[in-house]
């Protein structure tokens, strides 16, 4: 596997890394609950799991053993 003969300078590495930026997640408002959530992700509201404005799953009550 080839390796560099000499060390790359810090400036050269920094030039390459200038395009790595942190981006804020895209948020949207749910049509049925009105809550903000990350787009294309399921979210919990009032104990129910919502995805695309529809209830996907409800929280089951805890059972005593």
PDB file of N, CA and C in Angstrom:
ATOM      1  N   UNK A   1       0.848  -1.177   0.000  1.00  0.00           N
ATOM      2  CA  UNK A   1       0.000   0.000   0.000  1.00  0.00           C
ATOM      3  C   UNK A   1       0.891   1.236   0.000  1.00  0.00           C
ATOM      4  N   UNK A   2       0.637   2.176  -0.896  1.00  0.00           N
ATOM      5  CA  UNK A   2       1.511   3.342  -0.984  1.00  0.00           C
ATOM      6  C   UNK A   2       1.346   4.275   0.214  1.00  0.00           C
ATOM      7  N   UNK A   3       2.449   4.837   0.609  1.00  0.00           N
ATOM      8  CA  UNK A   3       2.466   5.807   1.703  1.00  0.00           C
ATOM      9  C   UNK A   3       3.172   7.065   1.228  1.00  0.00           C
ATOM     10  N   UNK A   4       2.796   8.222   1.794  1.00  0.00           N
ATOM     11  CA  UNK A   4       3.482   9.443   1.392  1.00  0.00           C
ATOM     12  C   UNK A   4       4.948   9.421   1.833  1.00  0.00           C
ATOM     13  N   UNK A   5       5.814   9.936   0.968  1.00  0.00           N
ATOM     14  CA  UNK A   5       7.242   9.960   1.296  1.00  0.00           C
ATOM     15  C   UNK A   5       7.527  11.004   2.369  1.00  0.00           C
ATOM     16  N   UNK A   6       6.802  12.131   2.278  1.00  0.00           N
ATOM     17  CA  UNK A   6       6.975  13.189   3.262  1.00  0.00           C
ATOM     18  C   UNK A   6       5.627  13.531   3.898  1.00  0.00           C
ATOM     19  N   UNK A   7       5.721  14.126   5.052  1.00  0.00           N
ATOM     20  CA  UNK A   7       4.512  14.499   5.795  1.00  0.00           C
ATOM     21  C   UNK A   7       3.787  15.641   5.096  1.00  0.00           C
ATOM     22  N   UNK A   8       2.431  15.563   5.050  1.00  0.00           N
ATOM     23  CA  UNK A   8       1.647  16.667   4.489  1.00  0.00           C
ATOM     24  C   UNK A   8       1.573  17.778   5.513  1.00  0.00           C
ATOM     25  N   UNK A   9       1.597  19.017   5.050  1.00  0.00           N
ATOM     26  CA  UNK A   9       1.549  20.152   5.962  1.00  0.00           C
ATOM     27  C   UNK A   9       0.154  20.285   6.573  1.00  0.00           C
ATOM     28  N   UNK A  10       0.058  21.024   7.689  1.00  0.00           N
ATOM     29  CA  UNK A  10      -1.228  21.259   8.345  1.00  0.00           C
ATOM     30  C   UNK A  10      -2.143  22.073   7.438  1.00  0.00           C
ATOM     31  N   UNK A  11      -1.576  22.990   6.707  1.00  0.00           N
ATOM     32  CA  UNK A  11      -2.363  23.828   5.798  1.00  0.00           C
ATOM     33  C   UNK A  11      -3.012  22.973   4.706  1.00  0.00           C
ATOM     34  N   UNK A  12      -2.288  22.013   4.206  1.00  0.00           N
ATOM     35  CA  UNK A  12      -2.827  21.140   3.155  1.00  0.00           C
ATOM     36  C   UNK A  12      -3.986  20.309   3.693  1.00  0.00           C
ATOM     37  N   UNK A  13      -3.845  19.812   4.920  1.00  0.00           N
ATOM     38  CA  UNK A  13      -4.929  19.043   5.540  1.00  0.00           C
ATOM     39  C   UNK A  13      -6.136  19.923   5.796  1.00  0.00           C
ATOM     40  N   UNK A  14      -5.902  21.154   6.244  1.00  0.00           N
ATOM     41  CA  UNK A  14      -6.996  22.077   6.546  1.00  0.00           C
ATOM     42  C   UNK A  14      -7.765  22.441   5.276  1.00  0.00           C
ATOM     43  N   UNK A  15      -7.059  22.587   4.163  1.00  0.00           N
ATOM     44  CA  UNK A  15      -7.733  22.884   2.896  1.00  0.00           C
ATOM     45  C   UNK A  15      -8.687  21.761   2.519  1.00  0.00           C
ATOM     46  N   UNK A  16      -8.261  20.541   2.754  1.00  0.00           N
ATOM     47  CA  UNK A  16      -9.085  19.392   2.403  1.00  0.00           C
ATOM     48  C   UNK A  16     -10.321  19.313   3.310  1.00  0.00           C
ATOM     49  N   UNK A  17     -10.172  19.745   4.562  1.00  0.00           N
ATOM     50  CA  UNK A  17     -11.260  19.597   5.526  1.00  0.00           C
ATOM     51  C   UNK A  17     -12.208  20.795   5.577  1.00  0.00           C
ATOM     52  N   UNK A  18     -12.032  21.795   4.731  1.00  0.00           N
ATOM     53  CA  UNK A  18     -12.886  22.974   4.804  1.00  0.00           C
ATOM     54  C   UNK A  18     -14.328  22.663   4.458  1.00  0.00           C
ATOM     55  N   UNK A  19     -14.596  21.591   3.745  1.00  0.00           N
ATOM     56  CA  UNK A  19     -15.951  21.276   3.318  1.00  0.00           C
ATOM     57  C   UNK A  19     -16.720  20.440   4.328  1.00  0.00           C
ATOM     58  N   UNK A  20     -16.061  20.016   5.401  1.00  0.00           N
ATOM     59  CA  UNK A  20     -16.757  19.246   6.425  1.00  0.00           C
ATOM     60  C   UNK A  20     -17.429  20.226   7.360  1.00  0.00           C
ATOM     61  N   UNK A  21     -18.740  20.369   7.243  1.00  0.00           N
ATOM     62  CA  UNK A  21     -19.469  21.311   8.081  1.00  0.00           C
ATOM     63  C   UNK A  21     -20.607  20.597   8.775  1.00  0.00           C
ATOM     64  N   UNK A  22     -20.882  21.017   9.989  1.00  0.00           N
ATOM     65  CA  UNK A  22     -22.032  20.480  10.706  1.00  0.00           C
ATOM     66  C   UNK A  22     -23.284  21.185  10.205  1.00  0.00           C
ATOM     67  N   UNK A  23     -24.310  20.409   9.911  1.00  0.00           N
ATOM     68  CA  UNK A  23     -25.561  20.992   9.440  1.00  0.00           C
ATOM     69  C   UNK A  23     -26.655  20.735  10.460  1.00  0.00           C
ATOM     70  N   UNK A  24     -27.548  21.681  10.609  1.00  0.00           N
ATOM     71  CA  UNK A  24     -28.672  21.523  11.519  1.00  0.00           C
ATOM     72  C   UNK A  24     -29.690  20.574  10.893  1.00  0.00           C
ATOM     73  N   UNK A  25     -30.305  19.711  11.707  1.00  0.00           N
ATOM     74  CA  UNK A  25     -31.299  18.796  11.147  1.00  0.00           C
ATOM     75  C   UNK A  25     -32.528  19.564  10.661  1.00  0.00           C
ATOM     76  N   UNK A  26     -33.143  19.075   9.594  1.00  0.00           N
ATOM     77  CA  UNK A  26     -34.329  19.710   9.039  1.00  0.00           C
ATOM     78  C   UNK A  26     -35.539  19.306   9.870  1.00  0.00           C
ATOM     79  N   UNK A  27     -36.254  20.287  10.379  1.00  0.00           N
ATOM     80  CA  UNK A  27     -37.420  20.034  11.203  1.00  0.00           C
ATOM     81  C   UNK A  27     -38.688  20.341  10.432  1.00  0.00           C
ATOM     82  N   UNK A  28     -39.760  19.643  10.777  1.00  0.00           N
ATOM     83  CA  UNK A  28     -41.057  19.933  10.184  1.00  0.00           C
ATOM     84  C   UNK A  28     -42.121  19.777  11.261  1.00  0.00           C
ATOM     85  N   UNK A  29     -43.309  20.296  10.991  1.00  0.00           N
ATOM     86  CA  UNK A  29     -44.417  20.244  11.933  1.00  0.00           C
ATOM     87  C   UNK A  29     -45.349  19.104  11.536  1.00  0.00           C
ATOM     88  N   UNK A  30     -45.699  18.281  12.511  1.00  0.00           N
ATOM     89  CA  UNK A  30     -46.612  17.172  12.251  1.00  0.00           C
ATOM     90  C   UNK A  30     -48.018  17.718  12.036  1.00  0.00           C
ATOM     91  N   UNK A  31     -48.690  17.218  11.018  1.00  0.00           N
ATOM     92  CA  UNK A  31     -50.018  17.734  10.669  1.00  0.00           C
ATOM     93  C   UNK A  31     -51.076  17.340  11.693  1.00  0.00           C
ATOM     94  N   UNK A  32     -50.943  16.181  12.312  1.00  0.00           N
ATOM     95  CA  UNK A  32     -51.982  15.731  13.245  1.00  0.00           C
ATOM     96  C   UNK A  32     -51.765  16.232  14.667  1.00  0.00           C
ATOM     97  N   UNK A  33     -50.508  16.293  15.142  1.00  0.00           N
ATOM     98  CA  UNK A  33     -50.257  16.720  16.523  1.00  0.00           C
ATOM     99  C   UNK A  33     -49.769  18.155  16.621  1.00  0.00           C
ATOM    100  N   UNK A  34     -49.193  18.691  15.560  1.00  0.00           N
ATOM    101  CA  UNK A  34     -48.681  20.057  15.584  1.00  0.00           C
ATOM    102  C   UNK A  34     -47.321  20.189  16.231  1.00  0.00           C
ATOM    103  N   UNK A  35     -46.654  19.085  16.504  1.00  0.00           N
ATOM    104  CA  UNK A  35     -45.336  19.127  17.145  1.00  0.00           C
ATOM    105  C   UNK A  35     -44.223  19.139  16.107  1.00  0.00           C
ATOM    106  N   UNK A  36     -43.090  19.720  16.497  1.00  0.00           N
ATOM    107  CA  UNK A  36     -41.906  19.743  15.635  1.00  0.00           C
ATOM    108  C   UNK A  36     -41.169  18.412  15.781  1.00  0.00           C
ATOM    109  N   UNK A  37     -40.650  17.903  14.655  1.00  0.00           N
ATOM    110  CA  UNK A  37     -39.891  16.660  14.682  1.00  0.00           C
ATOM    111  C   UNK A  37     -38.920  16.650  13.513  1.00  0.00           C
ATOM    112  N   UNK A  38     -37.953  15.750  13.582  1.00  0.00           N
ATOM    113  CA  UNK A  38     -36.973  15.594  12.506  1.00  0.00           C
ATOM    114  C   UNK A  38     -37.682  14.924  11.325  1.00  0.00           C
ATOM    115  N   UNK A  39     -37.443  15.457  10.132  1.00  0.00           N
ATOM    116  CA  UNK A  39     -38.126  14.921   8.942  1.00  0.00           C
ATOM    117  C   UNK A  39     -37.735  13.475   8.666  1.00  0.00           C
ATOM    118  N   UNK A  40     -38.680  12.706   8.148  1.00  0.00           N
ATOM    119  CA  UNK A  40     -38.483  11.311   7.762  1.00  0.00           C
ATOM    120  C   UNK A  40     -38.079  10.428   8.940  1.00  0.00           C
ATOM    121  N   UNK A  41     -38.512  10.782  10.140  1.00  0.00           N
ATOM    122  CA  UNK A  41     -38.257   9.976  11.335  1.00  0.00           C
ATOM    123  C   UNK A  41     -39.553   9.876  12.125  1.00  0.00           C
ATOM    124  N   UNK A  42     -39.788   8.730  12.736  1.00  0.00           N
ATOM    125  CA  UNK A  42     -40.945   8.562  13.610  1.00  0.00           C
ATOM    126  C   UNK A  42     -40.687   9.332  14.898  1.00  0.00           C
ATOM    127  N   UNK A  43     -41.771   9.837  15.530  1.00  0.00           N
ATOM    128  CA  UNK A  43     -41.606  10.583  16.781  1.00  0.00           C
ATOM    129  C   UNK A  43     -42.733  10.223  17.734  1.00  0.00           C
ATOM    130  N   UNK A  44     -42.451  10.366  19.036  1.00  0.00           N
ATOM    131  CA  UNK A  44     -43.406  10.028  20.084  1.00  0.00           C
ATOM    132  C   UNK A  44     -44.112  11.287  20.540  1.00  0.00           C
ATOM    133  N   UNK A  45     -45.442  11.204  20.625  1.00  0.00           N
ATOM    134  CA  UNK A  45     -46.241  12.304  21.139  1.00  0.00           C
ATOM    135  C   UNK A  45     -47.389  11.718  21.945  1.00  0.00           C
ATOM    136  N   UNK A  46     -47.480  12.100  23.215  1.00  0.00           N
ATOM    137  CA  UNK A  46     -48.531  11.628  24.124  1.00  0.00           C
ATOM    138  C   UNK A  46     -48.569  10.104  24.204  1.00  0.00           C
ATOM    139  N   UNK A  47     -47.415   9.469  24.219  1.00  0.00           N
ATOM    140  CA  UNK A  47     -47.329   8.025  24.370  1.00  0.00           C
ATOM    141  C   UNK A  47     -47.615   7.238  23.102  1.00  0.00           C
ATOM    142  N   UNK A  48     -47.769   7.913  21.974  1.00  0.00           N
ATOM    143  CA  UNK A  48     -48.039   7.230  20.702  1.00  0.00           C
ATOM    144  C   UNK A  48     -46.912   7.533  19.730  1.00  0.00           C
ATOM    145  N   UNK A  49     -46.609   6.563  18.906  1.00  0.00           N
ATOM    146  CA  UNK A  49     -45.557   6.712  17.907  1.00  0.00           C
ATOM    147  C   UNK A  49     -46.192   7.121  16.588  1.00  0.00           C
ATOM    148  N   UNK A  50     -45.781   8.273  16.049  1.00  0.00           N
ATOM    149  CA  UNK A  50     -46.335   8.806  14.813  1.00  0.00           C
ATOM    150  C   UNK A  50     -45.297   8.751  13.704  1.00  0.00           C
ATOM    151  N   UNK A  51     -45.770   8.479  12.476  1.00  0.00           N
ATOM    152  CA  UNK A  51     -44.931   8.566  11.292  1.00  0.00           C
ATOM    153  C   UNK A  51     -45.824   8.967  10.128  1.00  0.00           C
ATOM    154  N   UNK A  52     -45.436  10.014   9.412  1.00  0.00           N
ATOM    155  CA  UNK A  52     -46.215  10.566   8.301  1.00  0.00           C
ATOM    156  C   UNK A  52     -47.628  10.939   8.728  1.00  0.00           C
ATOM    157  N   UNK A  53     -47.779  11.477   9.943  1.00  0.00           N
ATOM    158  CA  UNK A  53     -49.067  11.951  10.427  1.00  0.00           C
ATOM    159  C   UNK A  53     -50.003  10.868  10.892  1.00  0.00           C
ATOM    160  N   UNK A  54     -49.563   9.618  10.916  1.00  0.00           N
ATOM    161  CA  UNK A  54     -50.425   8.518  11.332  1.00  0.00           C
ATOM    162  C   UNK A  54     -49.831   7.815  12.541  1.00  0.00           C
ATOM    163  N   UNK A  55     -50.714   7.230  13.373  1.00  0.00           N
ATOM    164  CA  UNK A  55     -50.261   6.476  14.541  1.00  0.00           C
ATOM    165  C   UNK A  55     -49.730   5.136  14.059  1.00  0.00           C
ATOM    166  N   UNK A  56     -48.475   4.873  14.412  1.00  0.00           N
ATOM    167  CA  UNK A  56     -47.842   3.621  14.020  1.00  0.00           C
ATOM    168  C   UNK A  56     -47.961   2.605  15.149  1.00  0.00           C
ATOM    169  N   UNK A  57     -47.755   3.064  16.383  1.00  0.00           N
ATOM    170  CA  UNK A  57     -47.826   2.166  17.539  1.00  0.00           C
ATOM    171  C   UNK A  57     -48.259   2.965  18.752  1.00  0.00           C
ATOM    172  N   UNK A  58     -48.963   2.288  19.633  1.00  0.00           N
ATOM    173  CA  UNK A  58     -49.350   2.909  20.901  1.00  0.00           C
ATOM    174  C   UNK A  58     -48.590   2.231  22.014  1.00  0.00           C
ATOM    175  N   UNK A  59     -48.332   2.990  23.065  1.00  0.00           N
ATOM    176  CA  UNK A  59     -47.582   2.449  24.175  1.00  0.00           C
ATOM    177  C   UNK A  59     -48.463   1.477  24.937  1.00  0.00           C
ATOM    178  N   UNK A  60     -47.975   0.253  25.141  1.00  0.00           N
ATOM    179  CA  UNK A  60     -48.718  -0.765  25.869  1.00  0.00           C
ATOM    180  C   UNK A  60     -48.641  -0.479  27.365  1.00  0.00           C
ATOM    181  N   UNK A  61     -49.711  -0.724  28.109  1.00  0.00           N
ATOM    182  CA  UNK A  61     -49.657  -0.506  29.554  1.00  0.00           C
ATOM    183  C   UNK A  61     -48.705  -1.507  30.221  1.00  0.00           C
ATOM    184  N   UNK A  62     -48.048  -1.067  31.287  1.00  0.00           N
ATOM    185  CA  UNK A  62     -47.118  -1.931  32.006  1.00  0.00           C
ATOM    186  C   UNK A  62     -47.886  -2.969  32.799  1.00  0.00           C
ATOM    187  N   UNK A  63     -47.386  -4.204  32.785  1.00  0.00           N
ATOM    188  CA  UNK A  63     -48.027  -5.273  33.532  1.00  0.00           C
ATOM    189  C   UNK A  63     -47.193  -5.602  34.754  1.00  0.00           C
ATOM    190  N   UNK A  64     -47.866  -5.901  35.866  1.00  0.00           N
ATOM    191  CA  UNK A  64     -47.170  -6.315  37.066  1.00  0.00           C
ATOM    192  C   UNK A  64     -46.923  -7.814  36.996  1.00  0.00           C
ATOM    193  N   UNK A  65     -45.722  -8.228  37.326  1.00  0.00           N
ATOM    194  CA  UNK A  65     -45.392  -9.660  37.239  1.00  0.00           C
ATOM    195  C   UNK A  65     -45.544 -10.308  38.580  1.00  0.00           C
TER     196      UNK A  65
END
